[in-house]
Protein backbone atom coordinates (compact mmCIF):
# COMPACT_ATOMS: atom_id res chain seq x y z
CA GLN A 1 5.20 -1.76 19.59
CA VAL A 2 4.87 1.51 18.00
CA GLN A 3 2.44 3.95 18.23
CA LEU A 4 1.02 5.59 15.11
CA VAL A 5 -1.14 8.45 14.54
CA GLU A 6 -2.51 9.37 10.95
CA SER A 7 -3.94 12.92 9.87
CA GLY A 8 -4.71 14.65 6.97
CA GLY A 9 -7.79 12.51 5.40
CA GLY A 10 -10.78 14.37 4.53
CA LEU A 11 -13.29 15.10 1.57
CA VAL A 12 -12.04 15.81 -1.98
CA GLN A 13 -13.42 16.10 -5.60
CA ALA A 14 -12.28 13.59 -8.18
CA GLY A 15 -8.92 15.19 -9.75
CA GLY A 16 -7.91 16.41 -6.43
CA SER A 17 -5.16 15.96 -4.07
CA LEU A 18 -4.67 14.95 -0.25
CA ARG A 19 -1.36 14.37 1.62
CA LEU A 20 -1.85 11.99 4.49
CA SER A 21 0.57 11.83 7.55
CA CYS A 22 1.70 9.25 9.75
CA ALA A 23 3.56 9.93 12.70
CA ALA A 24 5.37 7.11 14.61
CA SER A 25 6.59 7.02 18.07
CA ARG A 26 10.10 6.16 16.76
CA THR A 27 12.04 6.90 13.91
CA ILE A 28 10.87 5.53 10.87
CA PHE A 29 14.25 4.00 10.13
CA ASP A 30 13.93 1.54 12.97
CA MET A 31 11.31 -0.15 10.96
CA ASN A 32 11.49 -3.48 8.95
CA ALA A 33 8.76 -1.83 6.76
CA MET A 34 6.30 0.79 6.73
CA GLY A 35 3.46 1.77 4.73
CA TRP A 36 -0.28 2.54 4.00
CA TYR A 37 -3.19 0.03 3.70
CA ARG A 38 -6.80 1.14 3.36
CA GLN A 39 -10.22 -0.53 3.35
CA ALA A 40 -13.47 0.74 1.21
CA PRO A 41 -16.78 -0.28 2.70
CA GLY A 42 -17.76 -3.85 2.23
CA LYS A 43 -14.21 -4.73 1.27
CA GLN A 44 -11.12 -6.25 2.51
CA ARG A 45 -8.13 -4.28 3.64
CA GLU A 46 -5.69 -3.81 0.89
CA LEU A 47 -2.14 -2.80 0.63
CA VAL A 48 -1.50 0.69 -0.78
CA VAL A 49 2.17 1.00 -0.61
CA VAL A 50 5.19 -0.33 1.45
CA ARG A 51 8.50 0.83 2.14
CA ARG A 52 10.75 -1.47 3.14
CA SER A 53 13.95 -1.11 5.57
CA GLY A 54 16.00 -1.15 2.13
CA GLY A 55 14.59 1.68 0.53
CA SER A 56 12.61 -0.76 -2.25
CA LEU A 57 8.93 0.30 -2.43
CA ASP A 58 5.85 -1.19 -3.78
CA PHE A 59 2.62 0.48 -4.77
CA GLN A 60 -0.52 -1.23 -5.53
CA ASP A 61 -0.85 -0.79 -9.30
CA SER A 62 -4.14 1.19 -9.25
CA VAL A 63 -2.13 4.09 -7.51
CA LYS A 64 1.01 3.97 -9.49
CA GLY A 65 2.04 7.36 -10.87
CA ARG A 66 -0.53 9.07 -8.97
CA PHE A 67 0.31 8.25 -5.03
CA THR A 68 4.11 8.86 -3.61
CA ILE A 69 5.44 8.69 -0.22
CA SER A 70 7.95 10.67 1.41
CA SER A 71 9.28 11.44 5.06
CA ASP A 72 10.85 13.93 7.39
CA ASN A 73 13.67 11.69 7.83
CA LYS A 74 12.67 11.40 11.52
CA ASN A 75 9.33 9.98 12.47
CA THR A 76 6.59 10.94 10.03
CA MET A 77 5.99 9.35 6.74
CA TYR A 78 3.77 11.26 4.18
CA LEU A 79 1.71 9.83 1.43
CA GLN A 80 0.90 12.38 -1.30
CA MET A 81 -2.57 11.31 -3.47
CA ASN A 82 -2.81 13.09 -6.57
CA SER A 83 -5.60 12.55 -9.19
CA LEU A 84 -7.82 10.93 -6.85
CA ARG A 85 -10.58 9.08 -8.23
CA PRO A 86 -14.07 8.05 -6.50
CA GLU A 87 -12.70 4.58 -5.97
CA ASP A 88 -9.79 5.90 -3.72
CA THR A 89 -12.39 6.33 -1.24
CA ALA A 90 -11.63 4.39 1.79
CA VAL A 91 -10.14 4.51 5.34
CA TYR A 92 -6.41 4.54 5.16
CA TYR A 93 -4.45 3.06 7.64
CA CYS A 94 -0.68 3.55 8.36
CA TYR A 95 1.12 0.51 9.38
CA ALA A 96 4.74 -0.08 10.75
CA TYR A 97 6.18 -3.91 10.89
CA LEU A 98 9.33 -3.86 13.70
CA GLY A 99 10.72 -6.98 14.78
CA TYR A 100 7.88 -9.58 14.94
CA SER A 101 4.97 -7.15 15.44
CA VAL A 102 2.79 -4.87 13.13
CA SER A 103 1.27 -1.83 14.60
CA TRP A 104 -1.56 0.33 13.00
CA GLY A 105 -2.80 3.72 13.22
CA GLN A 106 -6.30 4.50 13.74
CA GLY A 107 -7.10 5.09 10.21
CA THR A 108 -8.32 8.33 8.59
CA GLN A 109 -11.19 8.53 6.04
CA VAL A 110 -10.54 9.68 2.38
CA THR A 111 -13.72 10.55 0.56
CA VAL A 112 -13.57 11.16 -3.10
CA SER A 113 -16.64 12.84 -4.78
CA SER A 114 -17.45 12.55 -8.46
């Protein structure tokens, strides 16, 4: 399994930006897939973005053009969130799929005020 630690959440006004970090216990290039989910109060957890081992990316439609991902080419993945909206408010979870196992971070709260 992989240990994942998120950071960077917080409170921001609508239209603002935040960058989340996900530090993995091994190089991110070992992963079959890695990305972010989020869960808003009373809602199911939903995919935000996934990066597959071949480099392909899939973003949820509602964040396309506003969110991007990058890495330090070692063990940390970043989620840059711009033009934030109140509906982006959620707990954001980093996840990694390696072999037959999926690992999750502890989550970081993002709150966007209107």
